[in-house]
Amino acid sequence: MKVLRTVAEVRAWRAELARAGRRVAFVPTMGYLHQGHVQLMHEGRKRVPADAGELAISIFVNPAQFNDASDLAAYPRDLDGDLAKARSAGVDMVYRPDDPKELYPPLASTWVEVAGLDEHLCGATRPGHFRGVCTIVCKLWQLVQPDFALFGQKDFQQLAIIRRMHADLFLGGEVVGVPTVREPDGLAMSSRNARLAPEDRRAALAIPRFLSEVRSRYARGERDAAALIAGSEQALKPGEIHYVSVVDADTLQPVESTTASSGGRTLVALAAFFGGVRLIDNLVLEG
């Protein structure tokens, strides 16, 4: 497994693969890898077998997508553990820049932003967050030039925005969304889970329980958005709710009924704080 640290090294690696006609599957991460990331790697390997190309990941805590410097400082890091997990998953190349200036040179002043899809959900109270996400993903895309780039559906808004950026900028390759990977008790896997105290970790199970209840209401025929998420404040206690929203899964605009979703898919998304740790999760209602 190669560990590359500079833009020049990644460019040389990609040029060599291009000359050999080999393809690339790519998983961009901020590190502190968990089973959800590993699942993305496995999906990448399925699309690009070892005899056809290479599986690559990046490990970079992107400062441009943090609104709070303390949140950036508190983001968990475990490079040795990350490299071990990547090696076990069959990763061929890890891009791990030592210095943020490698990707954000001192005179850098170009940003990539997708308008509209960041108006609600996480984007409503995190100005600049998705601009930071789009900018770093676009930079990495230009460097790695993946045939397949894989992203988890737990970050549904992020995935939707990246899909739009990919289409609008005529980027090569394909964006692949991979279903959320969950712990045995139902909690969505996240690097932030490591910051939960044991009692907060137990309390956070209110999130998958609530989404399960929403799914049950929908299965029983409920289509009204307000009725689908009724009682969320009580259901998610002792968590502090950031938002619980019902939106069109394609436009991410709020809907009053699931029947109003243009593409037939409705997203129920939420964010809540447990012990000061912000967790997100979602549920897609089809048809």
C-alpha atoms as a PDB file:
ATOM      1  CA  MET A   1       0.000   0.000   0.000  1.00  0.00           C
ATOM      2  CA  LYS A   2       1.404   3.355  -1.074  1.00  0.00           C
ATOM      3  CA  VAL A   3       1.064   6.391   1.190  1.00  0.00           C
ATOM      4  CA  LEU A   4       1.419   9.597  -0.839  1.00  0.00           C
ATOM      5  CA  ARG A   5       1.739  13.013   0.757  1.00  0.00           C
ATOM      6  CA  THR A   6       2.027  15.566  -2.040  1.00  0.00           C
ATOM      7  CA  VAL A   7       0.007  16.697  -5.036  1.00  0.00           C
ATOM      8  CA  ALA A   8       2.972  15.898  -7.270  1.00  0.00           C
ATOM      9  CA  GLU A   9       3.108  12.313  -6.013  1.00  0.00           C
ATOM     10  CA  VAL A  10      -0.609  11.780  -6.641  1.00  0.00           C
ATOM     11  CA  ARG A  11      -0.352  13.213 -10.149  1.00  0.00           C
ATOM     12  CA  ALA A  12       2.548  10.920 -10.973  1.00  0.00           C
ATOM     13  CA  TRP A  13       0.671   7.905  -9.562  1.00  0.00           C
ATOM     14  CA  ARG A  14      -2.443   8.696 -11.610  1.00  0.00           C
ATOM     15  CA  ALA A  15      -0.477   9.288 -14.806  1.00  0.00           C
ATOM     16  CA  GLU A  16       1.188   5.906 -14.449  1.00  0.00           C
ATOM     17  CA  LEU A  17      -2.188   4.195 -14.047  1.00  0.00           C
ATOM     18  CA  ALA A  18      -3.559   6.039 -17.077  1.00  0.00           C
ATOM     19  CA  ARG A  19      -0.665   4.882 -19.233  1.00  0.00           C
ATOM     20  CA  ALA A  20      -1.366   1.308 -18.162  1.00  0.00           C
ATOM     21  CA  GLY A  21      -5.113   1.653 -18.831  1.00  0.00           C
ATOM     22  CA  ARG A  22      -5.988   0.895 -15.214  1.00  0.00           C
ATOM     23  CA  ARG A  23      -9.050   2.311 -13.452  1.00  0.00           C
ATOM     24  CA  VAL A  24      -9.486   3.881 -10.022  1.00  0.00           C
ATOM     25  CA  ALA A  25     -12.123   3.604  -7.288  1.00  0.00           C
ATOM     26  CA  PHE A  26     -11.822   6.400  -4.735  1.00  0.00           C
ATOM     27  CA  VAL A  27     -13.147   6.989  -1.216  1.00  0.00           C
ATOM     28  CA  PRO A  28     -12.465  10.492   0.173  1.00  0.00           C
ATOM     29  CA  THR A  29     -12.428  10.539   3.992  1.00  0.00           C
ATOM     30  CA  MET A  30     -11.430  12.714   6.917  1.00  0.00           C
ATOM     31  CA  GLY A  31      -9.953   9.717   8.683  1.00  0.00           C
ATOM     32  CA  TYR A  32     -10.821   8.049  11.979  1.00  0.00           C
ATOM     33  CA  LEU A  33     -12.123   5.235   9.829  1.00  0.00           C
ATOM     34  CA  HIS A  34     -14.957   2.959  10.933  1.00  0.00           C
ATOM     35  CA  GLN A  35     -16.874   0.082   9.380  1.00  0.00           C
ATOM     36  CA  GLY A  36     -18.911   2.503   7.292  1.00  0.00           C
ATOM     37  CA  HIS A  37     -15.749   3.686   5.561  1.00  0.00           C
ATOM     38  CA  VAL A  38     -14.586   0.093   5.172  1.00  0.00           C
ATOM     39  CA  GLN A  39     -17.880  -0.748   3.460  1.00  0.00           C
ATOM     40  CA  LEU A  40     -17.260   2.083   0.985  1.00  0.00           C
ATOM     41  CA  MET A  41     -13.839   0.585   0.277  1.00  0.00           C
ATOM     42  CA  HIS A  42     -15.337  -2.854  -0.289  1.00  0.00           C
ATOM     43  CA  GLU A  43     -17.869  -1.363  -2.698  1.00  0.00           C
ATOM     44  CA  GLY A  44     -15.044   0.393  -4.512  1.00  0.00           C
ATOM     45  CA  ARG A  45     -13.112  -2.860  -4.808  1.00  0.00           C
ATOM     46  CA  LYS A  46     -16.160  -4.549  -6.362  1.00  0.00           C
ATOM     47  CA  ARG A  47     -16.236  -1.910  -9.080  1.00  0.00           C
ATOM     48  CA  VAL A  48     -12.492  -1.958  -9.689  1.00  0.00           C
ATOM     49  CA  PRO A  49     -11.030  -5.422  -9.030  1.00  0.00           C
ATOM     50  CA  ALA A  50      -7.326  -5.612  -8.257  1.00  0.00           C
ATOM     51  CA  ASP A  51      -6.535  -6.917 -11.736  1.00  0.00           C
ATOM     52  CA  ALA A  52      -8.316  -3.947 -13.352  1.00  0.00           C
ATOM     53  CA  GLY A  53      -7.027  -1.008 -11.329  1.00  0.00           C
ATOM     54  CA  GLU A  54      -6.486   0.439  -7.886  1.00  0.00           C
ATOM     55  CA  LEU A  55      -8.535   1.331  -4.824  1.00  0.00           C
ATOM     56  CA  ALA A  56      -7.551   4.705  -3.364  1.00  0.00           C
ATOM     57  CA  ILE A  57      -8.620   6.728  -0.337  1.00  0.00           C
ATOM     58  CA  SER A  58      -7.730  10.121   1.039  1.00  0.00           C
ATOM     59  CA  ILE A  59      -7.300  11.008   4.701  1.00  0.00           C
ATOM     60  CA  PHE A  60      -7.587  14.754   5.214  1.00  0.00           C
ATOM     61  CA  VAL A  61      -9.424  16.702   7.909  1.00  0.00           C
ATOM     62  CA  ASN A  62     -10.643  19.522   5.699  1.00  0.00           C
ATOM     63  CA  PRO A  63     -10.506  22.825   7.614  1.00  0.00           C
ATOM     64  CA  ALA A  64     -12.690  24.593   5.044  1.00  0.00           C
ATOM     65  CA  GLN A  65     -15.829  22.681   6.034  1.00  0.00           C
ATOM     66  CA  PHE A  66     -15.703  23.476   9.758  1.00  0.00           C
ATOM     67  CA  ASN A  67     -17.602  26.517  10.998  1.00  0.00           C
ATOM     68  CA  ASP A  68     -16.210  26.178  14.506  1.00  0.00           C
ATOM     69  CA  ALA A  69     -12.465  26.024  15.160  1.00  0.00           C
ATOM     70  CA  SER A  70     -13.063  24.019  18.340  1.00  0.00           C
ATOM     71  CA  ASP A  71     -15.019  21.412  16.351  1.00  0.00           C
ATOM     72  CA  LEU A  72     -12.080  21.123  13.954  1.00  0.00           C
ATOM     73  CA  ALA A  73      -9.643  20.713  16.844  1.00  0.00           C
ATOM     74  CA  ALA A  74     -11.859  18.089  18.496  1.00  0.00           C
ATOM     75  CA  TYR A  75     -12.278  15.976  15.368  1.00  0.00           C
ATOM     76  CA  PRO A  76     -10.854  12.530  16.238  1.00  0.00           C
ATOM     77  CA  ARG A  77      -7.674  11.372  14.522  1.00  0.00           C
ATOM     78  CA  ASP A  78      -5.932   7.985  14.421  1.00  0.00           C
ATOM     79  CA  LEU A  79      -3.588   7.777  11.451  1.00  0.00           C
ATOM     80  CA  ASP A  80      -1.946   4.485  12.450  1.00  0.00           C
ATOM     81  CA  GLY A  81      -5.333   2.854  12.945  1.00  0.00           C
ATOM     82  CA  ASP A  82      -6.608   4.316   9.676  1.00  0.00           C
ATOM     83  CA  LEU A  83      -3.671   2.945   7.694  1.00  0.00           C
ATOM     84  CA  ALA A  84      -4.140  -0.488   9.264  1.00  0.00           C
ATOM     85  CA  LYS A  85      -7.850  -0.536   8.325  1.00  0.00           C
ATOM     86  CA  ALA A  86      -7.083   0.651   4.810  1.00  0.00           C
ATOM     87  CA  ARG A  87      -4.452  -2.037   4.344  1.00  0.00           C
ATOM     88  CA  SER A  88      -6.847  -4.735   5.607  1.00  0.00           C
ATOM     89  CA  ALA A  89      -9.522  -3.507   3.175  1.00  0.00           C
ATOM     90  CA  GLY A  90      -7.159  -3.922   0.239  1.00  0.00           C
ATOM     91  CA  VAL A  91      -6.482  -0.245  -0.411  1.00  0.00           C
ATOM     92  CA  ASP A  92      -3.666   0.334  -2.904  1.00  0.00           C
ATOM     93  CA  MET A  93      -3.053   4.057  -2.344  1.00  0.00           C
ATOM     94  CA  VAL A  94      -3.663   6.449   0.533  1.00  0.00           C
ATOM     95  CA  TYR A  95      -3.318  10.175  -0.078  1.00  0.00           C
ATOM     96  CA  ARG A  96      -2.520  11.750   3.242  1.00  0.00           C
ATOM     97  CA  PRO A  97      -1.120  15.308   2.941  1.00  0.00           C
ATOM     98  CA  ASP A  98       0.991  16.325   5.934  1.00  0.00           C
ATOM     99  CA  ASP A  99       0.039  19.996   5.693  1.00  0.00           C
ATOM    100  CA  PRO A 100      -3.296  21.617   4.704  1.00  0.00           C
ATOM    101  CA  LYS A 101      -1.250  24.035   2.586  1.00  0.00           C
ATOM    102  CA  GLU A 102      -0.673  21.142   0.187  1.00  0.00           C
ATOM    103  CA  LEU A 103      -4.326  21.423  -0.845  1.00  0.00           C
ATOM    104  CA  TYR A 104      -4.882  25.055   0.111  1.00  0.00           C
ATOM    105  CA  PRO A 105      -1.756  26.963  -0.987  1.00  0.00           C
ATOM    106  CA  PRO A 106      -1.253  30.422   0.563  1.00  0.00           C
ATOM    107  CA  LEU A 107      -2.606  32.295  -2.479  1.00  0.00           C
ATOM    108  CA  ALA A 108      -5.549  29.961  -3.130  1.00  0.00           C
ATOM    109  CA  SER A 109      -8.760  31.957  -3.605  1.00  0.00           C
ATOM    110  CA  THR A 110     -11.020  29.658  -5.642  1.00  0.00           C
ATOM    111  CA  TRP A 111     -14.106  28.044  -4.135  1.00  0.00           C
ATOM    112  CA  VAL A 112     -16.730  25.673  -5.506  1.00  0.00           C
ATOM    113  CA  GLU A 113     -20.305  26.188  -4.398  1.00  0.00           C
ATOM    114  CA  VAL A 114     -23.615  24.574  -5.345  1.00  0.00           C
ATOM    115  CA  ALA A 115     -26.515  26.999  -4.924  1.00  0.00           C
ATOM    116  CA  GLY A 116     -29.923  25.994  -3.609  1.00  0.00           C
ATOM    117  CA  LEU A 117     -29.331  22.508  -2.239  1.00  0.00           C
ATOM    118  CA  ASP A 118     -27.662  23.927   0.889  1.00  0.00           C
ATOM    119  CA  GLU A 119     -30.584  26.136   1.955  1.00  0.00           C
ATOM    120  CA  HIS A 120     -32.132  23.649   4.364  1.00  0.00           C
ATOM    121  CA  LEU A 121     -31.134  20.773   6.667  1.00  0.00           C
ATOM    122  CA  CYS A 122     -27.465  21.005   7.751  1.00  0.00           C
ATOM    123  CA  GLY A 123     -26.738  23.860   5.360  1.00  0.00           C
ATOM    124  CA  ALA A 124     -29.278  26.198   6.955  1.00  0.00           C
ATOM    125  CA  THR A 125     -27.127  26.865  10.031  1.00  0.00           C
ATOM    126  CA  ARG A 126     -23.662  25.958   8.744  1.00  0.00           C
ATOM    127  CA  PRO A 127     -22.737  28.742   6.314  1.00  0.00           C
ATOM    128  CA  GLY A 128     -19.810  27.830   4.126  1.00  0.00           C
ATOM    129  CA  HIS A 129     -19.780  24.172   5.186  1.00  0.00           C
ATOM    130  CA  PHE A 130     -20.832  22.712   1.852  1.00  0.00           C
ATOM    131  CA  ARG A 131     -18.706  25.211  -0.018  1.00  0.00           C
ATOM    132  CA  GLY A 132     -15.775  23.689   1.841  1.00  0.00           C
ATOM    133  CA  VAL A 133     -16.964  20.165   1.047  1.00  0.00           C
ATOM    134  CA  CYS A 134     -17.428  20.893  -2.659  1.00  0.00           C
ATOM    135  CA  THR A 135     -14.076  22.650  -2.943  1.00  0.00           C
ATOM    136  CA  ILE A 136     -12.071  19.816  -1.409  1.00  0.00           C
ATOM    137  CA  VAL A 137     -13.966  17.084  -3.284  1.00  0.00           C
ATOM    138  CA  CYS A 138     -13.429  18.957  -6.553  1.00  0.00           C
ATOM    139  CA  LYS A 139      -9.703  19.336  -5.831  1.00  0.00           C
ATOM    140  CA  LEU A 140      -9.373  15.650  -4.982  1.00  0.00           C
ATOM    141  CA  TRP A 141     -11.403  14.687  -8.050  1.00  0.00           C
ATOM    142  CA  GLN A 142      -9.026  16.603 -10.299  1.00  0.00           C
ATOM    143  CA  LEU A 143      -6.031  14.895  -8.701  1.00  0.00           C
ATOM    144  CA  VAL A 144      -7.290  11.326  -8.450  1.00  0.00           C
ATOM    145  CA  GLN A 145      -9.559  11.345 -11.545  1.00  0.00           C
ATOM    146  CA  PRO A 146     -11.614   8.414 -10.255  1.00  0.00           C
ATOM    147  CA  ASP A 147     -13.734   6.156 -12.403  1.00  0.00           C
ATOM    148  CA  PHE A 148     -15.898   5.667  -9.307  1.00  0.00           C
ATOM    149  CA  ALA A 149     -16.056   7.879  -6.199  1.00  0.00           C
ATOM    150  CA  LEU A 150     -17.995   6.438  -3.280  1.00  0.00           C
ATOM    151  CA  PHE A 151     -19.932   8.347  -0.617  1.00  0.00           C
ATOM    152  CA  GLY A 152     -22.193   7.220   2.238  1.00  0.00           C
ATOM    153  CA  GLN A 153     -25.902   8.020   2.202  1.00  0.00           C
ATOM    154  CA  LYS A 154     -25.848   8.928   5.908  1.00  0.00           C
ATOM    155  CA  ASP A 155     -24.652  12.353   4.700  1.00  0.00           C
ATOM    156  CA  PHE A 156     -27.560  12.538   2.262  1.00  0.00           C
ATOM    157  CA  GLN A 157     -27.401  16.295   1.705  1.00  0.00           C
ATOM    158  CA  GLN A 158     -23.675  16.108   1.055  1.00  0.00           C
ATOM    159  CA  LEU A 159     -24.196  13.288  -1.452  1.00  0.00           C
ATOM    160  CA  ALA A 160     -26.937  15.237  -3.257  1.00  0.00           C
ATOM    161  CA  ILE A 161     -24.748  18.335  -3.477  1.00  0.00           C
ATOM    162  CA  ILE A 162     -21.753  16.352  -4.743  1.00  0.00           C
ATOM    163  CA  ARG A 163     -23.951  14.705  -7.392  1.00  0.00           C
ATOM    164  CA  ARG A 164     -25.089  18.129  -8.572  1.00  0.00           C
ATOM    165  CA  MET A 165     -21.526  19.503  -8.635  1.00  0.00           C
ATOM    166  CA  HIS A 166     -20.352  16.431 -10.538  1.00  0.00           C
ATOM    167  CA  ALA A 167     -23.034  16.907 -13.176  1.00  0.00           C
ATOM    168  CA  ASP A 168     -22.730  20.682 -13.453  1.00  0.00           C
ATOM    169  CA  LEU A 169     -18.930  20.669 -13.848  1.00  0.00           C
ATOM    170  CA  PHE A 170     -18.896  17.703 -16.273  1.00  0.00           C
ATOM    171  CA  LEU A 171     -16.519  15.795 -14.011  1.00  0.00           C
ATOM    172  CA  GLY A 172     -15.512  12.361 -15.232  1.00  0.00           C
ATOM    173  CA  GLY A 173     -16.313   9.049 -13.633  1.00  0.00           C
ATOM    174  CA  GLU A 174     -19.332   8.197 -11.532  1.00  0.00           C
ATOM    175  CA  VAL A 175     -20.644   9.194  -8.101  1.00  0.00           C
ATOM    176  CA  VAL A 176     -21.738   6.108  -6.161  1.00  0.00           C
ATOM    177  CA  GLY A 177     -23.985   6.409  -3.103  1.00  0.00           C
ATOM    178  CA  VAL A 178     -23.681   3.576  -0.586  1.00  0.00           C
ATOM    179  CA  PRO A 179     -26.413   2.827   2.016  1.00  0.00           C
ATOM    180  CA  THR A 180     -25.787   3.854   5.614  1.00  0.00           C
ATOM    181  CA  VAL A 181     -23.892   1.309   7.682  1.00  0.00           C
ATOM    182  CA  ARG A 182     -25.263   0.876  11.202  1.00  0.00           C
ATOM    183  CA  GLU A 183     -24.090  -0.511  14.496  1.00  0.00           C
ATOM    184  CA  PRO A 184     -25.836  -3.731  15.631  1.00  0.00           C
ATOM    185  CA  ASP A 185     -28.165  -1.610  17.793  1.00  0.00           C
ATOM    186  CA  GLY A 186     -29.151   0.607  14.848  1.00  0.00           C
ATOM    187  CA  LEU A 187     -27.093   3.754  15.433  1.00  0.00           C
ATOM    188  CA  ALA A 188     -25.601   5.065  12.197  1.00  0.00           C
ATOM    189  CA  MET A 189     -21.827   4.640  12.148  1.00  0.00           C
ATOM    190  CA  SER A 190     -19.974   7.937  12.434  1.00  0.00           C
ATOM    191  CA  SER A 191     -16.542   9.123  13.486  1.00  0.00           C
ATOM    192  CA  ARG A 192     -18.358  11.367  15.962  1.00  0.00           C
ATOM    193  CA  ASN A 193     -19.734   8.358  17.856  1.00  0.00           C
ATOM    194  CA  ALA A 194     -16.317   7.972  19.477  1.00  0.00           C
ATOM    195  CA  ARG A 195     -16.879  11.276  21.274  1.00  0.00           C
ATOM    196  CA  LEU A 196     -20.066  10.071  23.000  1.00  0.00           C
ATOM    197  CA  ALA A 197     -19.931   9.236  26.696  1.00  0.00           C
ATOM    198  CA  PRO A 198     -21.489   5.799  27.407  1.00  0.00           C
ATOM    199  CA  GLU A 199     -24.734   7.297  28.693  1.00  0.00           C
ATOM    200  CA  ASP A 200     -25.003   9.599  25.674  1.00  0.00           C
ATOM    201  CA  ARG A 201     -24.279   6.689  23.345  1.00  0.00           C
ATOM    202  CA  ARG A 202     -27.219   4.818  24.844  1.00  0.00           C
ATOM    203  CA  ALA A 203     -29.450   7.894  24.675  1.00  0.00           C
ATOM    204  CA  ALA A 204     -28.583   8.399  20.989  1.00  0.00           C
ATOM    205  CA  LEU A 205     -30.449   5.188  20.151  1.00  0.00           C
ATOM    206  CA  ALA A 206     -33.519   7.417  20.245  1.00  0.00           C
ATOM    207  CA  ILE A 207     -32.555   8.446  16.692  1.00  0.00           C
ATOM    208  CA  PRO A 208     -32.953   5.055  14.960  1.00  0.00           C
ATOM    209  CA  ARG A 209     -36.010   4.295  17.118  1.00  0.00           C
ATOM    210  CA  PHE A 210     -37.680   7.521  15.956  1.00  0.00           C
ATOM    211  CA  LEU A 211     -36.856   6.893  12.288  1.00  0.00           C
ATOM    212  CA  SER A 212     -38.234   3.376  12.638  1.00  0.00           C
ATOM    213  CA  GLU A 213     -41.486   4.848  13.963  1.00  0.00           C
ATOM    214  CA  VAL A 214     -41.603   7.263  11.001  1.00  0.00           C
ATOM    215  CA  ARG A 215     -41.191   4.314   8.625  1.00  0.00           C
ATOM    216  CA  SER A 216     -44.012   2.477  10.399  1.00  0.00           C
ATOM    217  CA  ARG A 217     -46.321   5.484  10.109  1.00  0.00           C
ATOM    218  CA  TYR A 218     -45.574   5.680   6.401  1.00  0.00           C
ATOM    219  CA  ALA A 219     -46.210   1.937   5.971  1.00  0.00           C
ATOM    220  CA  ARG A 220     -49.586   2.406   7.672  1.00  0.00           C
ATOM    221  CA  GLY A 221     -50.522   4.989   5.027  1.00  0.00           C
ATOM    222  CA  GLU A 222     -49.545   8.309   6.610  1.00  0.00           C
ATOM    223  CA  ARG A 223     -48.403  10.840   3.993  1.00  0.00           C
ATOM    224  CA  ASP A 224     -48.706  14.167   5.816  1.00  0.00           C
ATOM    225  CA  ALA A 225     -45.225  15.490   6.638  1.00  0.00           C
ATOM    226  CA  ALA A 226     -46.149  17.008  10.001  1.00  0.00           C
ATOM    227  CA  ALA A 227     -47.899  13.826  11.096  1.00  0.00           C
ATOM    228  CA  LEU A 228     -44.952  11.653  10.049  1.00  0.00           C
ATOM    229  CA  ILE A 229     -42.568  13.475  12.380  1.00  0.00           C
ATOM    230  CA  ALA A 230     -45.059  14.372  15.123  1.00  0.00           C
ATOM    231  CA  GLY A 231     -43.702  13.960  18.637  1.00  0.00           C
ATOM    232  CA  SER A 232     -40.065  14.204  17.606  1.00  0.00           C
ATOM    233  CA  GLU A 233     -39.074  16.398  20.547  1.00  0.00           C
ATOM    234  CA  GLN A 234     -40.355  13.871  23.041  1.00  0.00           C
ATOM    235  CA  ALA A 235     -39.063  10.888  21.073  1.00  0.00           C
ATOM    236  CA  LEU A 236     -35.517  12.252  20.820  1.00  0.00           C
ATOM    237  CA  LYS A 237     -35.118  13.261  24.463  1.00  0.00           C
ATOM    238  CA  PRO A 238     -32.700  13.812  26.119  1.00  0.00           C
ATOM    239  CA  GLY A 239     -31.150  14.908  22.837  1.00  0.00           C
ATOM    240  CA  GLU A 240     -31.246  18.537  21.771  1.00  0.00           C
ATOM    241  CA  ILE A 241     -32.836  18.714  18.316  1.00  0.00           C
ATOM    242  CA  HIS A 242     -31.117  20.787  15.647  1.00  0.00           C
ATOM    243  CA  TYR A 243     -33.717  19.973  13.017  1.00  0.00           C
ATOM    244  CA  VAL A 244     -36.183  17.285  11.971  1.00  0.00           C
ATOM    245  CA  SER A 245     -37.338  17.885   8.400  1.00  0.00           C
ATOM    246  CA  VAL A 246     -39.314  16.274   5.601  1.00  0.00           C
ATOM    247  CA  VAL A 247     -38.002  17.300   2.177  1.00  0.00           C
ATOM    248  CA  ASP A 248     -38.078  16.281  -1.456  1.00  0.00           C
ATOM    249  CA  ALA A 249     -35.166  13.838  -1.840  1.00  0.00           C
ATOM    250  CA  ASP A 250     -34.115  15.420  -5.144  1.00  0.00           C
ATOM    251  CA  THR A 251     -34.478  19.154  -4.489  1.00  0.00           C
ATOM    252  CA  LEU A 252     -34.069  19.044  -0.672  1.00  0.00           C
ATOM    253  CA  GLN A 253     -36.933  21.540  -0.435  1.00  0.00           C
ATOM    254  CA  PRO A 254     -39.516  21.076   2.367  1.00  0.00           C
ATOM    255  CA  VAL A 255     -42.757  19.336   1.444  1.00  0.00           C
ATOM    256  CA  GLU A 256     -46.086  19.239   3.261  1.00  0.00           C
ATOM    257  CA  SER A 257     -46.836  15.723   2.036  1.00  0.00           C
ATOM    258  CA  THR A 258     -44.778  12.877   0.628  1.00  0.00           C
ATOM    259  CA  THR A 259     -47.078  12.960  -2.410  1.00  0.00           C
ATOM    260  CA  ALA A 260     -45.583  16.356  -3.303  1.00  0.00           C
ATOM    261  CA  SER A 261     -42.069  14.993  -3.854  1.00  0.00           C
ATOM    262  CA  SER A 262     -41.252  15.482  -7.519  1.00  0.00           C
ATOM    263  CA  GLY A 263     -39.312  12.259  -8.041  1.00  0.00           C
ATOM    264  CA  GLY A 264     -41.444  10.073  -5.816  1.00  0.00           C
ATOM    265  CA  ARG A 265     -38.851   9.983  -3.040  1.00  0.00           C
ATOM    266  CA  THR A 266     -39.123  11.859   0.242  1.00  0.00           C
ATOM    267  CA  LEU A 267     -36.295  12.344   2.733  1.00  0.00           C
ATOM    268  CA  VAL A 268     -36.853  12.494   6.480  1.00  0.00           C
ATOM    269  CA  ALA A 269     -33.649  13.931   7.905  1.00  0.00           C
ATOM    270  CA  LEU A 270     -32.592  14.990  11.379  1.00  0.00           C
ATOM    271  CA  ALA A 271     -29.700  16.330  13.376  1.00  0.00           C
ATOM    272  CA  ALA A 272     -29.530  16.260  17.165  1.00  0.00           C
ATOM    273  CA  PHE A 273     -26.995  16.824  19.898  1.00  0.00           C
ATOM    274  CA  PHE A 274     -26.309  14.157  22.501  1.00  0.00           C
ATOM    275  CA  GLY A 275     -23.801  15.153  25.157  1.00  0.00           C
ATOM    276  CA  GLY A 276     -22.767  18.063  22.937  1.00  0.00           C
ATOM    277  CA  VAL A 277     -21.994  15.763  19.982  1.00  0.00           C
ATOM    278  CA  ARG A 278     -23.941  16.487  16.816  1.00  0.00           C
ATOM    279  CA  LEU A 279     -25.310  13.378  15.091  1.00  0.00           C
ATOM    280  CA  ILE A 280     -27.203  13.129  11.802  1.00  0.00           C
ATOM    281  CA  ASP A 281     -29.341  10.410  10.258  1.00  0.00           C
ATOM    282  CA  ASN A 282     -32.050  10.064   7.630  1.00  0.00           C
ATOM    283  CA  LEU A 283     -34.671   7.862   6.079  1.00  0.00           C
ATOM    284  CA  VAL A 284     -35.754   7.778   2.427  1.00  0.00           C
ATOM    285  CA  LEU A 285     -39.421   7.021   1.792  1.00  0.00           C
ATOM    286  CA  GLU A 286     -40.009   5.608  -1.689  1.00  0.00           C
ATOM    287  CA  GLY A 287     -43.102   5.812  -3.873  1.00  0.00           C
END
